[in-house]
Protein backbone atom coordinates (compact mmCIF):
# COMPACT_ATOMS: atom_id res chain seq x y z
CA MET A 1 66.24 50.29 34.74
CA LYS A 2 63.50 52.56 36.06
CA HIS A 3 64.96 52.50 39.56
CA SER A 4 67.46 55.24 38.58
CA ILE A 5 64.87 57.45 36.85
CA SER A 6 63.92 60.61 38.61
CA THR A 7 60.36 61.18 39.83
CA LEU A 8 59.75 63.70 37.00
CA ALA A 9 61.06 61.25 34.39
CA ALA A 10 58.94 58.48 35.79
CA LEU A 11 55.86 60.68 35.42
CA LEU A 12 56.81 61.48 31.86
CA LEU A 13 57.11 57.74 31.10
CA SER A 14 53.86 56.77 32.85
CA SER A 15 52.17 56.15 29.55
CA SER A 16 53.60 53.20 27.65
CA SER A 17 52.52 54.88 24.41
CA LEU A 18 55.24 57.47 25.01
CA ALA A 19 58.13 55.24 25.96
CA ALA A 20 58.87 51.93 27.62
CA ASP A 21 61.67 50.98 29.96
CA TRP A 22 63.16 48.57 27.44
CA ASP A 23 63.24 50.88 24.44
CA ASP A 24 67.06 51.04 24.34
CA LEU A 25 67.42 47.23 24.69
CA PRO A 26 67.46 45.28 21.43
CA VAL A 27 65.83 41.87 21.35
CA PRO A 28 68.83 39.49 21.47
CA ALA A 29 67.24 36.61 19.56
CA ASN A 30 67.28 36.37 15.76
CA ALA A 31 63.82 37.08 14.25
CA GLY A 32 64.76 35.14 11.08
CA SER A 33 65.52 36.13 7.52
CA GLY A 34 63.32 38.99 6.31
CA ASN A 35 61.66 39.43 9.70
CA THR A 36 61.68 42.04 12.41
CA TRP A 37 60.47 41.99 16.01
CA GLN A 38 57.02 43.47 16.79
CA LEU A 39 56.04 44.30 20.39
CA GLN A 40 52.90 42.56 21.66
CA SER A 41 51.48 45.38 23.74
CA ASN A 42 48.54 43.35 25.07
CA VAL A 43 50.91 41.13 27.08
CA SER A 44 53.87 43.50 27.62
CA ASP A 45 54.00 45.81 30.65
CA ASP A 46 56.48 48.31 32.11
CA PHE A 47 54.29 48.72 35.22
CA ASN A 48 54.47 52.52 35.06
CA TYR A 49 51.18 52.95 36.88
CA SER A 50 49.70 52.18 40.27
CA ALA A 51 47.57 49.23 41.32
CA PRO A 52 47.01 48.87 45.07
CA ALA A 53 46.96 45.55 46.85
CA ASN A 54 43.19 45.69 47.19
CA GLY A 55 41.17 46.73 44.16
CA LYS A 56 44.11 47.09 41.77
CA SER A 57 43.31 49.53 38.89
CA SER A 58 41.96 49.61 35.34
CA ALA A 59 45.53 49.91 34.00
CA PHE A 60 46.35 46.61 35.72
CA TYR A 61 43.18 44.83 34.64
CA ASP A 62 43.77 45.81 31.01
CA ARG A 63 46.43 43.12 30.85
CA TRP A 64 46.29 41.08 34.04
CA SER A 65 44.02 39.10 36.32
CA GLU A 66 44.65 38.30 39.95
CA GLY A 67 45.28 34.73 41.08
CA PHE A 68 46.15 31.65 39.06
CA ILE A 69 44.79 30.73 35.61
CA ASN A 70 42.24 28.42 37.29
CA ALA A 71 40.98 27.76 40.82
CA TRP A 72 44.22 26.13 41.99
CA GLN A 73 45.61 27.82 45.11
CA GLY A 74 49.23 26.83 44.55
CA PRO A 75 51.71 24.05 45.36
CA GLY A 76 52.91 22.88 48.77
CA LEU A 77 52.09 25.30 51.59
CA THR A 78 51.24 28.09 49.11
CA ASP A 79 47.91 29.95 49.31
CA TYR A 80 47.52 32.50 46.51
CA HIS A 81 46.17 35.69 48.07
CA ASN A 82 45.19 38.61 45.85
CA PRO A 83 46.30 41.42 48.29
CA ASN A 84 49.84 39.99 48.13
CA SER A 85 50.36 41.50 44.68
CA ARG A 86 50.45 45.21 43.78
CA VAL A 87 51.99 47.69 41.40
CA GLU A 88 53.88 50.61 42.88
CA ASN A 89 56.93 52.72 42.06
CA GLY A 90 56.95 51.39 38.52
CA GLU A 91 57.17 47.73 39.56
CA LEU A 92 54.98 44.68 40.02
CA VAL A 93 55.53 43.49 43.59
CA ILE A 94 54.78 39.90 44.66
CA GLN A 95 54.88 39.59 48.46
CA ALA A 96 55.07 36.53 50.72
CA THR A 97 53.56 36.59 54.23
CA ARG A 98 52.38 34.03 56.79
CA LYS A 99 48.74 33.04 56.48
CA PRO A 100 47.49 33.83 60.01
CA GLY A 101 47.02 30.85 62.32
CA THR A 102 48.52 28.33 59.85
CA ASN A 103 51.80 27.03 58.55
CA GLN A 104 50.82 28.17 55.05
CA VAL A 105 52.30 31.04 53.09
CA TYR A 106 50.24 33.80 51.46
CA THR A 107 51.80 34.81 48.13
CA GLY A 108 50.70 36.94 45.23
CA ALA A 109 49.95 35.54 41.78
CA VAL A 110 48.88 37.29 38.58
CA HIS A 111 48.41 36.13 35.04
CA THR A 112 47.89 37.71 31.63
CA ASN A 113 44.39 37.88 30.24
CA ASP A 114 45.63 36.88 26.79
CA SER A 115 47.68 33.84 25.72
CA ILE A 116 50.75 33.78 23.48
CA GLN A 117 52.07 31.12 21.16
CA TYR A 118 55.32 30.47 19.32
CA PRO A 119 57.19 32.04 17.60
CA VAL A 120 57.61 34.52 20.42
CA TYR A 121 60.33 36.10 22.57
CA ILE A 122 59.51 36.84 26.24
CA GLU A 123 61.84 38.72 28.55
CA THR A 124 61.58 40.17 32.04
CA SER A 125 63.73 42.30 34.31
CA SER A 126 63.31 41.26 37.95
CA LYS A 127 64.95 40.86 41.36
CA ILE A 128 64.01 37.91 43.55
CA MET A 129 63.28 37.87 47.24
CA ASP A 130 65.58 36.56 49.99
CA GLN A 131 63.48 33.50 50.79
CA VAL A 132 63.51 29.72 50.32
CA LEU A 133 60.38 30.19 48.18
CA ALA A 134 60.46 29.98 44.40
CA ASN A 135 60.11 33.26 42.54
CA ALA A 136 58.75 32.71 39.06
CA VAL A 137 57.81 34.31 35.76
CA TRP A 138 56.51 31.44 33.67
CA MET A 139 54.00 30.30 31.02
CA LEU A 140 51.38 27.60 31.20
CA SER A 141 48.81 26.20 28.79
CA SER A 142 45.13 26.37 29.78
CA ASP A 143 44.98 22.59 30.36
CA SER A 144 48.19 22.66 32.47
CA THR A 145 50.04 20.15 30.26
CA GLU A 146 52.76 22.40 28.79
CA GLU A 147 54.95 24.89 30.71
CA ILE A 148 57.90 27.13 29.93
CA ASP A 149 59.78 28.71 32.83
CA ILE A 150 61.42 32.09 32.24
CA VAL A 151 62.47 33.03 35.79
CA GLU A 152 62.58 30.29 38.44
CA ALA A 153 64.91 31.12 41.29
CA TYR A 154 65.40 30.63 45.03
CA GLY A 155 67.18 33.54 46.69
CA SER A 156 67.56 32.61 50.36
CA SER A 157 70.64 33.87 52.16
CA ARG A 158 70.66 30.88 54.52
CA PRO A 159 74.13 29.27 54.41
CA ASP A 160 72.74 25.89 53.33
CA GLN A 161 70.87 27.50 50.42
CA THR A 162 73.85 29.15 48.66
CA TRP A 163 73.86 26.64 45.78
CA PHE A 164 70.32 27.61 44.87
CA ALA A 165 70.85 31.32 45.49
CA GLU A 166 73.63 31.29 42.87
CA ARG A 167 71.49 29.69 40.12
CA MET A 168 68.65 30.42 37.76
CA HIS A 169 66.55 27.41 36.73
CA LEU A 170 66.07 27.45 32.95
CA ALA A 171 63.68 24.67 32.13
CA HIS A 172 60.28 23.57 30.79
CA HIS A 173 57.73 20.86 31.62
CA VAL A 174 55.40 18.63 29.69
CA PHE A 175 52.75 16.77 31.68
CA ILE A 176 50.23 13.97 31.52
CA ARG A 177 47.68 14.79 34.16
CA ASP A 178 45.98 11.40 34.67
CA PRO A 179 47.85 9.40 35.78
CA PHE A 180 50.22 12.25 36.62
CA GLN A 181 53.58 12.26 34.81
CA ASP A 182 56.01 15.17 34.52
CA TYR A 183 59.04 15.54 32.29
CA GLN A 184 61.57 18.35 32.56
CA PRO A 185 65.24 18.36 31.40
CA LYS A 186 67.59 17.56 34.26
CA ASP A 187 70.90 18.24 32.57
CA VAL A 188 73.50 20.40 34.32
CA GLY A 189 72.80 23.32 31.96
CA ALA A 190 69.25 23.68 33.35
CA TRP A 191 70.78 25.35 36.48
CA TYR A 192 72.60 28.41 35.13
CA ALA A 193 75.22 30.13 37.29
CA ASP A 194 77.62 32.96 36.52
CA GLY A 195 78.77 33.95 40.02
CA ARG A 196 75.99 36.40 40.86
CA LEU A 197 73.44 36.15 43.68
CA TRP A 198 70.10 36.69 41.92
CA ARG A 199 68.60 38.39 45.00
CA ASP A 200 71.24 41.17 44.90
CA GLN A 201 70.43 42.72 41.52
CA TYR A 202 67.93 43.09 38.74
CA SER A 203 68.59 40.62 35.94
CA ARG A 204 67.12 40.29 32.44
CA VAL A 205 66.00 36.74 31.67
CA GLY A 206 64.41 35.91 28.31
CA VAL A 207 63.16 32.88 26.37
CA TYR A 208 62.78 32.61 22.58
CA TRP A 209 60.09 29.99 22.00
CA ARG A 210 60.92 29.60 18.33
CA ASP A 211 58.80 26.52 17.57
CA PRO A 212 57.45 23.43 19.40
CA TRP A 213 60.94 21.85 19.42
CA HIS A 214 63.28 24.78 20.09
CA LEU A 215 63.86 27.06 23.10
CA GLU A 216 66.65 29.64 23.58
CA TYR A 217 67.40 31.18 26.96
CA TYR A 218 69.03 34.62 27.32
CA ILE A 219 70.53 36.30 30.44
CA ASP A 220 71.18 40.04 30.17
CA GLY A 221 71.02 39.75 26.36
CA GLU A 222 73.43 36.82 26.04
CA LEU A 223 72.41 33.36 24.79
CA VAL A 224 73.22 30.93 27.65
CA ARG A 225 71.20 27.81 26.84
CA THR A 226 69.51 26.13 23.85
CA VAL A 227 67.07 23.22 24.25
CA THR A 228 66.08 21.68 20.96
CA GLY A 229 64.77 18.45 19.46
CA VAL A 230 62.48 15.68 20.64
CA ASP A 231 65.11 14.16 23.00
CA MET A 232 65.25 17.39 25.03
CA ILE A 233 61.71 18.77 24.60
CA ASP A 234 59.51 15.65 24.92
CA PRO A 235 61.46 12.33 24.87
CA TYR A 236 58.55 10.32 26.30
CA GLY A 237 55.88 11.50 23.92
CA TYR A 238 53.70 13.23 26.54
CA THR A 239 52.59 15.77 23.90
CA ASN A 240 51.71 13.07 21.34
CA GLY A 241 54.39 14.33 18.99
CA ASN A 242 53.27 17.98 19.09
CA GLY A 243 56.02 19.41 21.33
CA LEU A 244 55.50 22.73 23.10
CA SER A 245 52.70 23.84 20.77
CA LYS A 246 49.79 25.10 22.86
CA PRO A 247 49.02 28.82 23.61
CA MET A 248 50.14 29.80 27.11
CA GLN A 249 49.41 32.58 29.58
CA ILE A 250 52.18 34.39 31.43
CA ILE A 251 52.12 33.90 35.24
CA VAL A 252 54.08 35.82 37.91
CA ASP A 253 54.07 34.41 41.43
CA ALA A 254 56.01 33.18 44.44
CA GLU A 255 55.58 29.60 45.68
CA ASP A 256 56.31 27.24 48.53
CA GLN A 257 57.10 24.18 46.42
CA ASP A 258 56.41 20.84 48.07
CA TRP A 259 59.70 19.23 46.96
CA ARG A 260 61.35 21.71 49.30
CA SER A 261 58.85 22.10 52.16
CA ASP A 262 58.34 18.29 52.34
CA ASN A 263 62.05 18.11 53.05
CA GLY A 264 61.95 20.72 55.80
CA ILE A 265 63.00 23.74 53.69
CA VAL A 266 60.31 26.12 54.86
CA ALA A 267 60.00 29.88 55.35
CA THR A 268 60.06 31.04 58.99
CA ASP A 269 57.73 33.59 60.56
CA THR A 270 60.68 35.95 61.00
CA GLU A 271 61.68 35.75 57.35
CA LEU A 272 58.14 36.24 56.10
CA ALA A 273 57.64 39.28 58.33
CA ASP A 274 60.77 41.03 57.03
CA ASN A 275 59.79 43.41 54.22
CA SER A 276 63.41 43.61 53.09
CA LYS A 277 63.28 39.89 52.32
CA ASN A 278 59.69 39.02 51.40
CA GLN A 279 59.17 40.93 48.11
CA PHE A 280 59.76 39.82 44.52
CA TYR A 281 60.16 42.85 42.18
CA VAL A 282 59.35 42.71 38.46
CA ASP A 283 60.54 45.82 36.66
CA TRP A 284 58.98 44.93 33.28
CA ILE A 285 57.87 42.14 30.97
CA ARG A 286 58.12 42.51 27.22
CA VAL A 287 56.86 40.16 24.50
CA TYR A 288 57.76 40.20 20.79
CA LYS A 289 56.72 38.22 17.75
CA PRO A 290 58.73 38.00 14.50
CA VAL A 291 56.86 39.61 11.61
CA PRO A 292 57.79 40.25 7.96
CA ASN A 293 59.95 43.33 7.58
CA SER A 294 57.99 45.77 5.42
CA ASN A 295 61.26 47.51 4.57
CA GLY A 296 62.80 44.81 2.39
CA GLY A 297 61.67 41.60 4.07
CA GLY A 298 61.71 39.66 0.83
CA GLY A 299 59.36 36.74 0.26
CA ASN A 300 58.71 36.08 3.95
CA ASP A 301 55.72 38.48 3.97
CA ILE A 302 53.66 36.15 1.78
CA THR A 303 50.44 35.10 3.53
CA SER A 304 47.48 33.35 1.93
CA SER A 305 44.29 33.14 3.95
CA VAL A 306 40.71 32.00 3.69
CA ASP A 307 37.70 32.28 6.00
CA PHE A 308 36.49 29.04 7.52
CA ASP A 309 33.07 29.36 5.94
CA ASN A 310 34.49 29.72 2.41
CA PHE A 311 34.76 25.99 1.69
CA PHE A 312 33.77 24.24 -1.56
CA ALA A 313 32.90 20.89 0.08
CA THR A 314 32.03 19.66 3.56
CA GLY A 315 30.91 16.50 5.25
CA LYS A 316 31.40 14.17 8.18
CA ASP A 317 33.32 10.94 8.81
CA GLY A 318 31.83 8.89 11.62
CA SER A 319 28.65 8.86 13.57
CA ALA A 320 26.44 11.86 14.16
CA VAL A 321 26.68 13.63 17.55
CA ALA A 322 23.53 14.34 19.53
CA GLY A 323 22.58 18.03 19.20
CA ASP A 324 24.52 18.47 15.93
CA SER A 325 22.05 18.50 13.02
CA PHE A 326 24.60 19.81 10.46
CA ASN A 327 26.51 17.50 8.17
CA GLY A 328 30.01 18.99 8.28
CA PHE A 329 30.98 22.60 9.04
CA ASN A 330 28.07 25.01 9.56
CA PRO A 331 28.60 28.62 8.32
CA SER A 332 27.39 31.05 10.95
CA GLY A 333 27.02 33.98 8.49
CA ASN A 334 29.91 35.95 10.05
CA GLY A 335 32.80 34.32 8.21
CA ASN A 336 33.23 31.52 10.74
CA ILE A 337 31.81 28.06 11.31
CA ASN A 338 30.15 26.47 14.31
CA TYR A 339 28.31 23.30 15.33
CA ASN A 340 31.55 21.46 14.69
CA THR A 341 31.78 17.92 16.09
CA VAL A 342 34.43 15.28 15.73
CA GLY A 343 34.77 13.98 12.16
CA ASP A 344 33.40 17.10 10.52
CA TRP A 345 35.53 18.29 7.63
CA ALA A 346 35.67 20.85 4.82
CA GLU A 347 37.87 21.44 1.80
CA TYR A 348 39.22 24.79 0.63
CA SER A 349 41.02 26.17 -2.39
CA ILE A 350 44.09 28.09 -1.28
CA ASN A 351 46.45 29.88 -3.69
CA LEU A 352 50.13 30.26 -2.92
CA PRO A 353 51.89 32.86 -5.10
CA GLU A 354 55.39 31.49 -4.37
CA ASP A 355 57.18 28.23 -3.71
CA GLY A 356 58.43 27.93 -0.20
CA GLU A 357 58.25 26.66 3.37
CA TYR A 358 54.95 27.67 5.01
CA ARG A 359 53.46 27.66 8.49
CA LEU A 360 49.75 26.73 8.67
CA GLU A 361 47.67 28.63 11.25
CA LEU A 362 44.06 28.16 12.37
CA ASP A 363 42.06 30.74 14.33
CA THR A 364 39.67 28.74 16.55
CA ALA A 365 37.59 29.13 19.70
CA SER A 366 36.18 26.59 22.15
CA THR A 367 35.01 26.11 25.72
CA VAL A 368 35.90 22.39 25.66
CA SER A 369 38.72 21.68 28.10
CA SER A 370 40.50 18.84 26.25
CA GLY A 371 40.38 16.48 23.27
CA LEU A 372 40.53 19.13 20.53
CA GLY A 373 42.42 18.96 17.27
CA ALA A 374 42.39 19.41 13.50
CA ASP A 375 43.85 16.96 10.94
CA ILE A 376 45.35 18.74 7.91
CA SER A 377 45.72 17.33 4.40
CA ILE A 378 46.93 19.13 1.29
CA ASP A 379 46.20 17.74 -2.16
CA GLY A 380 45.30 14.43 -0.54
CA VAL A 381 48.48 14.15 1.50
CA PHE A 382 48.17 14.16 5.35
CA VAL A 383 50.60 16.80 6.71
CA GLY A 384 49.89 16.74 10.46
CA THR A 385 47.49 17.50 13.28
CA VAL A 386 47.05 20.97 14.79
CA ALA A 387 46.83 20.73 18.59
CA ILE A 388 43.97 23.02 19.72
CA SER A 389 43.25 24.15 23.27
CA GLN A 390 40.36 25.68 25.18
CA THR A 391 40.11 29.43 24.63
CA GLY A 392 37.45 30.30 27.20
CA GLY A 393 34.60 31.13 24.84
CA TRP A 394 32.98 30.06 21.56
CA GLU A 395 33.88 33.49 20.14
CA SER A 396 37.21 33.97 21.93
CA TYR A 397 39.49 33.16 19.03
CA GLN A 398 43.18 32.24 19.36
CA THR A 399 45.74 31.15 16.78
CA PHE A 400 46.98 27.55 16.71
CA SER A 401 49.69 26.36 14.38
CA LEU A 402 50.80 23.08 12.84
CA ALA A 403 53.93 21.93 14.67
CA ASN A 404 55.80 21.23 11.41
CA THR A 405 56.17 23.61 8.50
CA ILE A 406 55.07 22.59 5.02
CA ASN A 407 57.34 22.64 1.98
CA ILE A 408 55.07 23.33 -0.98
CA GLY A 409 55.02 24.75 -4.49
CA ALA A 410 53.21 27.78 -5.86
CA GLY A 411 49.71 27.46 -7.29
CA THR A 412 46.22 26.47 -6.15
CA HIS A 413 45.99 23.64 -3.66
CA THR A 414 43.18 21.74 -1.99
CA LEU A 415 43.37 22.07 1.77
CA ARG A 416 41.28 19.72 3.94
CA VAL A 417 40.65 20.48 7.63
CA GLN A 418 38.97 17.82 9.75
CA SER A 419 38.11 18.12 13.41
CA ALA A 420 39.92 15.46 15.41
CA GLY A 421 40.33 14.43 19.01
CA SER A 422 38.54 12.60 21.78
CA SER A 423 35.88 15.24 22.43
CA GLN A 424 32.60 14.99 20.56
CA TRP A 425 32.15 18.81 20.45
CA GLN A 426 35.14 20.52 19.00
CA TRP A 427 35.75 24.18 18.06
CA ASN A 428 34.47 27.15 16.07
CA GLY A 429 36.73 28.28 13.24
CA GLU A 430 37.30 31.79 11.96
CA ALA A 431 40.30 31.88 9.58
CA ILE A 432 42.97 29.68 7.95
CA ARG A 433 46.39 31.06 6.97
CA MET A 434 49.50 29.87 5.17
CA VAL A 435 52.45 32.09 6.16
CA LYS A 436 55.69 31.80 4.18
CA MET A 437 58.66 31.21 6.49
CA GLY A 438 61.45 30.58 3.96
CA GLU A 439 62.35 29.40 0.52
CA GLY A 440 62.02 25.66 1.18
CA SER A 441 63.74 22.89 -0.74
CA SER A 442 64.16 22.72 -4.48
CA ASN A 443 61.54 20.05 -5.20
CA ASN A 444 58.78 21.98 -3.42
CA GLN A 445 56.69 18.97 -2.54
CA THR A 446 54.28 18.93 0.38
CA THR A 447 56.20 17.36 3.26
CA ALA A 448 55.37 16.28 6.79
CA PRO A 449 56.72 13.81 9.35
CA THR A 450 56.50 10.44 7.55
CA PRO A 451 55.75 7.17 9.33
CA THR A 452 58.25 4.48 8.43
CA GLU A 453 57.29 1.49 10.62
CA ALA A 454 54.27 -0.77 10.34
CA ILE A 455 52.06 -1.29 13.40
CA SER A 456 50.84 -4.81 14.17
CA LEU A 457 48.18 -5.86 16.70
CA GLU A 458 47.67 -9.48 17.69
CA ALA A 459 43.93 -10.04 17.51
CA GLU A 460 43.86 -12.13 20.71
CA SER A 461 45.52 -9.27 22.70
CA PHE A 462 42.33 -7.32 23.23
CA ASN A 463 41.62 -5.20 26.33
CA ASN A 464 37.96 -6.17 26.46
CA THR A 465 35.31 -7.80 24.34
CA GLY A 466 31.53 -7.89 24.14
CA GLY A 467 28.50 -7.81 21.91
CA PRO A 468 25.14 -9.55 21.45
CA TYR A 469 26.80 -13.01 21.43
CA GLY A 470 29.24 -12.42 24.25
CA GLY A 471 32.23 -11.24 22.31
CA PHE A 472 35.42 -12.91 21.01
CA GLN A 473 37.11 -16.04 22.39
CA THR A 474 40.66 -17.22 21.62
CA TYR A 475 42.22 -20.50 20.51
CA THR A 476 45.56 -21.87 19.33
CA GLN A 477 46.01 -24.27 16.42
CA SER A 478 48.96 -25.05 14.10
CA GLY A 479 51.08 -22.51 15.88
CA ILE A 480 48.63 -19.65 15.41
CA THR A 481 46.76 -18.01 18.25
CA ALA A 482 43.64 -16.19 17.07
CA THR A 483 40.14 -15.13 18.00
CA ASN A 484 37.06 -17.25 17.30
CA TYR A 485 33.37 -17.65 18.27
CA ASN A 486 32.70 -14.30 16.65
CA GLN A 487 29.19 -13.51 15.60
CA ARG A 488 27.61 -10.45 14.02
CA GLY A 489 27.88 -7.44 16.32
CA ASP A 490 30.56 -8.88 18.58
CA TYR A 491 33.55 -6.64 19.11
CA ALA A 492 36.93 -6.31 20.78
CA GLU A 493 38.88 -3.23 21.86
CA TYR A 494 42.63 -2.71 21.66
CA SER A 495 45.22 -0.09 22.64
CA LEU A 496 46.70 1.17 19.41
CA SER A 497 49.98 3.06 19.83
CA VAL A 498 50.90 5.27 16.86
CA PRO A 499 54.46 6.66 17.08
CA VAL A 500 54.18 8.96 14.03
CA ALA A 501 50.99 10.45 12.64
CA GLY A 502 50.36 9.83 8.97
CA ASN A 503 48.61 7.90 6.23
CA TYR A 504 48.35 4.15 6.74
CA ASN A 505 46.98 1.17 4.81
CA VAL A 506 44.80 -1.17 6.92
CA SER A 507 44.70 -4.94 6.63
CA ALA A 508 43.60 -7.95 8.67
CA PHE A 509 44.73 -11.61 8.68
CA VAL A 510 41.48 -13.52 8.90
CA ALA A 511 39.86 -16.86 8.20
CA THR A 512 36.24 -17.81 7.42
CA PRO A 513 34.23 -20.28 5.32
CA GLU A 514 31.29 -17.85 5.27
CA SER A 515 30.23 -15.46 2.52
CA GLY A 516 29.31 -11.84 3.36
CA ALA A 517 31.50 -11.35 6.42
CA ALA A 518 32.92 -7.92 7.19
CA MET A 519 34.48 -5.82 9.93
CA THR A 520 34.25 -2.21 10.95
CA LEU A 521 37.07 -0.34 12.76
CA THR A 522 36.58 2.74 14.93
CA LEU A 523 39.22 4.90 16.57
CA ASN A 524 38.36 6.63 19.85
CA GLY A 525 34.67 6.16 19.00
CA SER A 526 34.85 7.60 15.49
CA ALA A 527 34.50 5.56 12.28
CA LEU A 528 37.88 4.64 10.78
CA VAL A 529 37.38 2.07 7.97
CA SER A 530 35.40 -1.02 6.97
CA LEU A 531 36.80 -4.20 5.37
CA ASP A 532 34.93 -6.90 3.47
CA VAL A 533 36.04 -10.40 4.48
CA PRO A 534 35.52 -12.90 1.63
CA SER A 535 35.53 -16.64 2.26
CA THR A 536 39.06 -18.06 2.73
CA GLY A 537 37.84 -21.65 2.61
CA GLY A 538 37.90 -22.52 6.26
CA TRP A 539 38.08 -21.31 9.88
CA ASN A 540 41.81 -22.02 10.01
CA THR A 541 42.75 -20.88 6.53
CA PHE A 542 44.10 -17.41 7.15
CA ALA A 543 44.51 -14.77 4.42
CA GLU A 544 45.19 -11.07 4.31
CA VAL A 545 42.33 -8.69 3.44
CA SER A 546 42.88 -4.97 2.96
CA ALA A 547 40.77 -1.84 3.03
CA SER A 548 40.24 -0.16 -0.30
CA GLY A 549 41.72 3.18 0.91
CA GLY A 550 44.14 4.48 3.47
CA VAL A 551 43.39 6.06 6.81
CA VAL A 552 44.92 8.91 8.80
CA LEU A 553 46.20 7.89 12.23
CA PRO A 554 47.15 10.65 14.70
CA ALA A 555 50.14 10.08 16.95
CA GLY A 556 49.57 8.76 20.43
CA THR A 557 47.76 5.88 22.11
CA HIS A 558 44.20 5.29 20.99
CA THR A 559 41.27 2.89 21.58
CA LEU A 560 40.68 0.80 18.48
CA ARG A 561 37.43 -1.17 18.32
CA VAL A 562 36.97 -3.95 15.77
CA THR A 563 33.37 -5.04 15.25
CA SER A 564 31.98 -7.86 13.09
CA SER A 565 29.53 -6.22 10.69
CA GLY A 566 28.75 -8.57 7.81
CA ASN A 567 25.52 -10.15 6.59
CA THR A 568 26.30 -13.88 6.65
CA SER A 569 23.34 -16.21 6.61
CA ASN A 570 23.92 -17.72 10.08
CA THR A 571 25.51 -14.65 11.94
CA TRP A 572 28.91 -16.39 12.19
CA GLU A 573 31.64 -14.02 10.91
CA TRP A 574 35.40 -14.56 10.96
CA ASN A 575 38.44 -15.62 13.01
CA ALA A 576 41.30 -13.12 13.26
CA ASP A 577 45.06 -13.60 13.71
CA ARG A 578 46.23 -9.98 13.60
CA PHE A 579 45.61 -6.46 12.28
CA ALA A 580 48.23 -4.38 10.50
CA PHE A 581 48.68 -0.67 9.75
CA THR A 582 51.33 -0.05 7.09
CA PRO A 583 52.69 3.44 6.16
CA GLN A 584 51.61 4.48 2.67
């Protein structure tokens, strides 16, 4: 570590273009067949420069910003205070002090200007402070719904805090913000101990975020913990089946966490005033991504790409959005598309020179804080939804990837990208890529998570109803409970829970003596499908009617609205027993 380097050597190493403190330390994780690790210099830092507590320096601001990633001032008694972070003697220093006249704690917090996304390896060398406060190097998505902790440790030398002082917390979180819900693994392995006191020495802690469903934790170059699969990453579906998929910024801070201070575990004035105990030292942070090895990497260097404006067809599913006068994707003239609202789509020809397993990537930009996504279909087969996050600007592009890889054969394929999500305004798009990750299976068919269970909704179990004639009523006859008193324009809304995204056939079990009845279904306000309802011979003679084509349902819980939309002669429409969505 740089602490043993002489002053002259430190000066010689002050430019990271000459050397970095980690140059003799191999990345312990496996980059994959045919790949090698490539340093991401925009988010890596050996802190071989100076940045004072007040004013910092241009070298600091090249990579970092002061404070948290948004206006939040920290948990518990924490008050993030810019002068409590600095760079000196080749280290980032996060200091904790008492906020004058209060019981709060001033701590430093910094975060990277740029975000990173899997697959990526992040490692830091640091020494934590002798305090009951949390010392942390961690990553968080811009909407604060996905978190990966690299360093999270509590180093206090108080006798009653020894258990924590001996452990490093190796965990992650997935959140629902409203109403607030938080999942993190609570198995014994989340609290790693090997006999050391983490405040007494510098330790290397790294995380390989391989994909949305796989994390590997490394201590001093040794694999000590693997968290993989839905049951460990997101067992309650808080990410709607996407796992840890969103770009994240790296944060370094110290915190008074309320789960400790609410239970009387608080830093004292004496502890916070002791400069031998109140400083968290970060020697360096390095970030690597696996890239094809140009010296014999084999087929894994195959990448096929297309600009977003190079489509051969475009259009829109659903209603127009106010302010958007373009039908589908609008080419801006610079290779990208804009004026993209929910339901807009385009189709592309993409040529794959080899069979294999591919990762699909989209470069997008948006200022919208939530409700962004892109449904992907290849050759008419739905393969998944890309979770997209806010990037901070309509021209600030970041890469977002499909959570699952795609097993597909060589040749020219039709790729369809459709904006999806709850937000009306979506994202600008710059580029689409298919990156070969491996050889794939022998049949080389397009594959994706496949729904296997039908979804059934009882028509009488609506959340609300309305319309020009007052909405639906319910009745029971001959053992069937159904809706009735439905006239043209009346509607009902339901909560539709979709466990696995995919292609579904839509049907309804309805009864009517009328001719010309119909229904229209919308999902989260966007058109989904329409069904004609022919006469069944009576109001209690139920029969199944089906839509002529399938629909794509994203995973998660959605608002389904069913509206009567026919042209019967007397405005009376149909009674309904249930609605069904069957996997194709």
